[in-house]
């Protein structure tokens, strides 16, 4: 799932080489933390958070098919 999220975010931003996704486990859930360049933050979040919301929906759907729980956090 980390690879899928990395691919999606790199496709959205101007500086794909500065995208980093880290994966950690917390309370039986996988937390994917995304870091991007300062100028690309708006492209990942979108207007009123629409893009990041859809990314979260997509990642939850993928995780559900595998019987897992996942959340996506965008970090500064």
N, C-alpha and C. Protein backbone atom coordinates (compact mmCIF):
# COMPACT_ATOMS: atom_id res chain seq x y z
N UNK A 1 0.82 -1.19 0.00
CA UNK A 1 0.00 0.00 0.00
C UNK A 1 0.86 1.26 0.00
N UNK A 2 2.00 1.18 0.64
CA UNK A 2 2.91 2.32 0.68
C UNK A 2 3.32 2.71 -0.74
N UNK A 3 3.59 1.72 -1.57
CA UNK A 3 4.01 1.99 -2.95
C UNK A 3 2.90 2.66 -3.75
N UNK A 4 1.66 2.20 -3.54
CA UNK A 4 0.52 2.79 -4.24
C UNK A 4 0.35 4.26 -3.85
N UNK A 5 0.41 4.54 -2.56
CA UNK A 5 0.26 5.91 -2.09
C UNK A 5 1.39 6.80 -2.61
N UNK A 6 2.60 6.27 -2.61
CA UNK A 6 3.74 7.03 -3.14
C UNK A 6 3.52 7.37 -4.60
N UNK A 7 3.07 6.41 -5.38
CA UNK A 7 2.81 6.64 -6.81
C UNK A 7 1.73 7.71 -7.01
N UNK A 8 0.65 7.63 -6.25
CA UNK A 8 -0.45 8.59 -6.39
C UNK A 8 0.04 10.00 -6.07
N UNK A 9 0.74 10.16 -4.95
CA UNK A 9 1.18 11.49 -4.53
C UNK A 9 2.23 12.04 -5.50
N UNK A 10 3.16 11.19 -5.94
CA UNK A 10 4.17 11.66 -6.88
C UNK A 10 3.55 12.11 -8.20
N UNK A 11 2.43 11.53 -8.58
CA UNK A 11 1.75 11.92 -9.81
C UNK A 11 1.08 13.29 -9.68
N UNK A 12 0.80 13.72 -8.47
CA UNK A 12 0.10 14.99 -8.25
C UNK A 12 1.01 16.20 -8.11
N UNK A 13 2.23 16.00 -7.66
CA UNK A 13 3.09 17.12 -7.27
C UNK A 13 4.08 17.53 -8.36
N UNK A 14 4.66 18.72 -8.17
CA UNK A 14 5.68 19.23 -9.10
C UNK A 14 7.06 18.66 -8.80
N UNK A 15 7.31 18.28 -7.55
CA UNK A 15 8.61 17.77 -7.13
C UNK A 15 8.46 16.35 -6.60
N UNK A 16 8.29 15.36 -7.49
CA UNK A 16 8.07 13.98 -7.03
C UNK A 16 9.25 13.38 -6.28
N UNK A 17 10.45 13.91 -6.50
CA UNK A 17 11.62 13.38 -5.81
C UNK A 17 11.64 13.75 -4.32
N UNK A 18 10.82 14.73 -3.92
CA UNK A 18 10.78 15.15 -2.52
C UNK A 18 9.62 14.52 -1.75
N UNK A 19 8.92 13.58 -2.37
CA UNK A 19 7.82 12.89 -1.69
C UNK A 19 8.40 11.74 -0.87
N UNK A 20 7.98 11.66 0.39
CA UNK A 20 8.37 10.52 1.21
C UNK A 20 7.13 10.01 1.96
N UNK A 21 6.99 8.70 1.98
CA UNK A 21 5.89 8.06 2.68
C UNK A 21 6.49 7.09 3.69
N UNK A 22 6.13 7.26 4.95
CA UNK A 22 6.59 6.34 5.99
C UNK A 22 5.39 5.57 6.52
N UNK A 23 5.65 4.34 6.89
CA UNK A 23 4.60 3.45 7.35
C UNK A 23 4.89 3.06 8.79
N UNK A 24 3.86 3.14 9.64
CA UNK A 24 4.02 2.69 11.02
C UNK A 24 2.73 2.05 11.48
N UNK A 25 2.85 1.21 12.50
CA UNK A 25 1.68 0.53 13.06
C UNK A 25 1.28 1.22 14.35
N UNK A 26 -0.02 1.42 14.53
CA UNK A 26 -0.53 2.02 15.76
C UNK A 26 -1.92 1.46 16.04
N UNK A 27 -2.07 0.80 17.17
CA UNK A 27 -3.36 0.25 17.60
C UNK A 27 -4.00 -0.67 16.55
N UNK A 28 -3.20 -1.53 15.96
CA UNK A 28 -3.72 -2.48 14.97
C UNK A 28 -4.07 -1.85 13.64
N UNK A 29 -3.59 -0.66 13.42
CA UNK A 29 -3.88 0.07 12.19
C UNK A 29 -2.57 0.52 11.56
N UNK A 30 -2.51 0.52 10.25
CA UNK A 30 -1.34 1.03 9.54
C UNK A 30 -1.54 2.51 9.30
N UNK A 31 -0.57 3.31 9.71
CA UNK A 31 -0.63 4.76 9.50
C UNK A 31 0.43 5.10 8.45
N UNK A 32 -0.01 5.70 7.35
CA UNK A 32 0.90 6.13 6.29
C UNK A 32 1.05 7.64 6.40
N UNK A 33 2.28 8.08 6.63
CA UNK A 33 2.57 9.51 6.79
C UNK A 33 3.24 10.02 5.52
N UNK A 34 2.67 11.07 4.94
CA UNK A 34 3.15 11.62 3.68
C UNK A 34 3.79 12.97 3.93
N UNK A 35 4.98 13.15 3.38
CA UNK A 35 5.67 14.45 3.42
C UNK A 35 5.96 14.86 1.98
N UNK A 36 5.68 16.14 1.66
CA UNK A 36 5.95 16.68 0.33
C UNK A 36 6.64 18.02 0.47
N UNK A 37 7.13 18.55 -0.63
CA UNK A 37 7.76 19.87 -0.63
C UNK A 37 6.71 20.92 -0.23
N UNK A 38 7.18 22.03 0.35
CA UNK A 38 6.26 23.06 0.82
C UNK A 38 5.31 23.56 -0.26
N UNK A 39 5.81 23.77 -1.46
CA UNK A 39 4.98 24.28 -2.55
C UNK A 39 3.98 23.28 -3.08
N UNK A 40 4.16 22.01 -2.76
CA UNK A 40 3.27 20.97 -3.27
C UNK A 40 2.16 20.59 -2.30
N UNK A 41 2.18 21.14 -1.11
CA UNK A 41 1.19 20.77 -0.09
C UNK A 41 -0.23 21.01 -0.59
N UNK A 42 -0.47 22.14 -1.22
CA UNK A 42 -1.81 22.47 -1.71
C UNK A 42 -2.30 21.52 -2.79
N UNK A 43 -1.39 20.99 -3.58
CA UNK A 43 -1.78 20.06 -4.65
C UNK A 43 -2.22 18.72 -4.09
N UNK A 44 -1.65 18.33 -2.96
CA UNK A 44 -2.03 17.06 -2.34
C UNK A 44 -3.32 17.22 -1.55
N UNK A 45 -3.49 18.36 -0.90
CA UNK A 45 -4.69 18.57 -0.09
C UNK A 45 -5.89 18.94 -0.97
N UNK A 46 -5.70 19.84 -1.92
CA UNK A 46 -6.80 20.24 -2.80
C UNK A 46 -7.71 21.26 -2.15
N UNK A 47 -8.64 21.76 -2.95
CA UNK A 47 -9.59 22.74 -2.42
C UNK A 47 -10.50 22.07 -1.41
N UNK A 48 -10.58 22.69 -0.25
CA UNK A 48 -11.39 22.22 0.87
C UNK A 48 -11.08 20.76 1.22
N UNK A 49 -9.85 20.32 0.93
CA UNK A 49 -9.41 18.98 1.30
C UNK A 49 -9.97 17.86 0.45
N UNK A 50 -10.48 18.18 -0.72
CA UNK A 50 -11.13 17.17 -1.56
C UNK A 50 -10.19 16.10 -2.07
N UNK A 51 -8.99 16.48 -2.48
CA UNK A 51 -8.06 15.49 -3.04
C UNK A 51 -7.58 14.54 -1.96
N UNK A 52 -7.17 15.06 -0.81
CA UNK A 52 -6.69 14.19 0.26
C UNK A 52 -7.82 13.29 0.77
N UNK A 53 -9.03 13.80 0.76
CA UNK A 53 -10.17 12.98 1.17
C UNK A 53 -10.35 11.78 0.24
N UNK A 54 -10.23 12.00 -1.05
CA UNK A 54 -10.37 10.91 -2.01
C UNK A 54 -9.20 9.93 -1.94
N UNK A 55 -8.02 10.45 -1.67
CA UNK A 55 -6.86 9.56 -1.47
C UNK A 55 -7.13 8.65 -0.27
N UNK A 56 -7.66 9.21 0.80
CA UNK A 56 -7.96 8.40 2.00
C UNK A 56 -9.02 7.35 1.70
N UNK A 57 -10.05 7.72 0.95
CA UNK A 57 -11.11 6.77 0.59
C UNK A 57 -10.52 5.62 -0.23
N UNK A 58 -9.68 5.95 -1.19
CA UNK A 58 -9.06 4.93 -2.04
C UNK A 58 -8.18 4.00 -1.22
N UNK A 59 -7.36 4.55 -0.35
CA UNK A 59 -6.46 3.72 0.45
C UNK A 59 -7.23 2.84 1.43
N UNK A 60 -8.33 3.36 2.00
CA UNK A 60 -9.17 2.53 2.88
C UNK A 60 -9.81 1.38 2.12
N UNK A 61 -10.22 1.64 0.88
CA UNK A 61 -10.82 0.58 0.06
C UNK A 61 -9.81 -0.52 -0.24
N UNK A 62 -8.59 -0.14 -0.57
CA UNK A 62 -7.54 -1.12 -0.84
C UNK A 62 -7.24 -1.93 0.42
N UNK A 63 -7.15 -1.25 1.56
CA UNK A 63 -6.85 -1.93 2.81
C UNK A 63 -7.98 -2.87 3.21
N UNK A 64 -9.21 -2.47 2.97
CA UNK A 64 -10.35 -3.29 3.34
C UNK A 64 -10.36 -4.60 2.55
N UNK A 65 -9.95 -4.55 1.29
CA UNK A 65 -9.88 -5.77 0.48
C UNK A 65 -8.85 -6.74 1.04
N UNK A 66 -7.85 -6.21 1.73
CA UNK A 66 -6.81 -7.04 2.34
C UNK A 66 -7.14 -7.38 3.79
N UNK A 67 -8.26 -6.89 4.29
CA UNK A 67 -8.65 -7.14 5.67
C UNK A 67 -7.85 -6.34 6.67
N UNK A 68 -7.39 -5.17 6.28
CA UNK A 68 -6.59 -4.32 7.15
C UNK A 68 -7.27 -2.97 7.36
N UNK A 69 -6.72 -2.19 8.27
CA UNK A 69 -7.17 -0.81 8.48
C UNK A 69 -6.00 0.10 8.20
N UNK A 70 -6.28 1.22 7.55
CA UNK A 70 -5.21 2.16 7.20
C UNK A 70 -5.72 3.58 7.35
N UNK A 71 -4.82 4.49 7.70
CA UNK A 71 -5.13 5.91 7.68
C UNK A 71 -3.96 6.64 7.03
N UNK A 72 -4.28 7.78 6.44
CA UNK A 72 -3.27 8.57 5.72
C UNK A 72 -3.17 9.93 6.40
N UNK A 73 -1.96 10.31 6.80
CA UNK A 73 -1.71 11.61 7.41
C UNK A 73 -0.77 12.40 6.51
N UNK A 74 -1.11 13.68 6.28
CA UNK A 74 -0.24 14.57 5.52
C UNK A 74 0.51 15.43 6.54
N UNK A 75 1.83 15.34 6.54
CA UNK A 75 2.65 16.06 7.53
C UNK A 75 3.35 17.25 6.90
N UNK A 76 3.59 18.27 7.72
CA UNK A 76 4.32 19.46 7.26
C UNK A 76 5.80 19.18 7.25
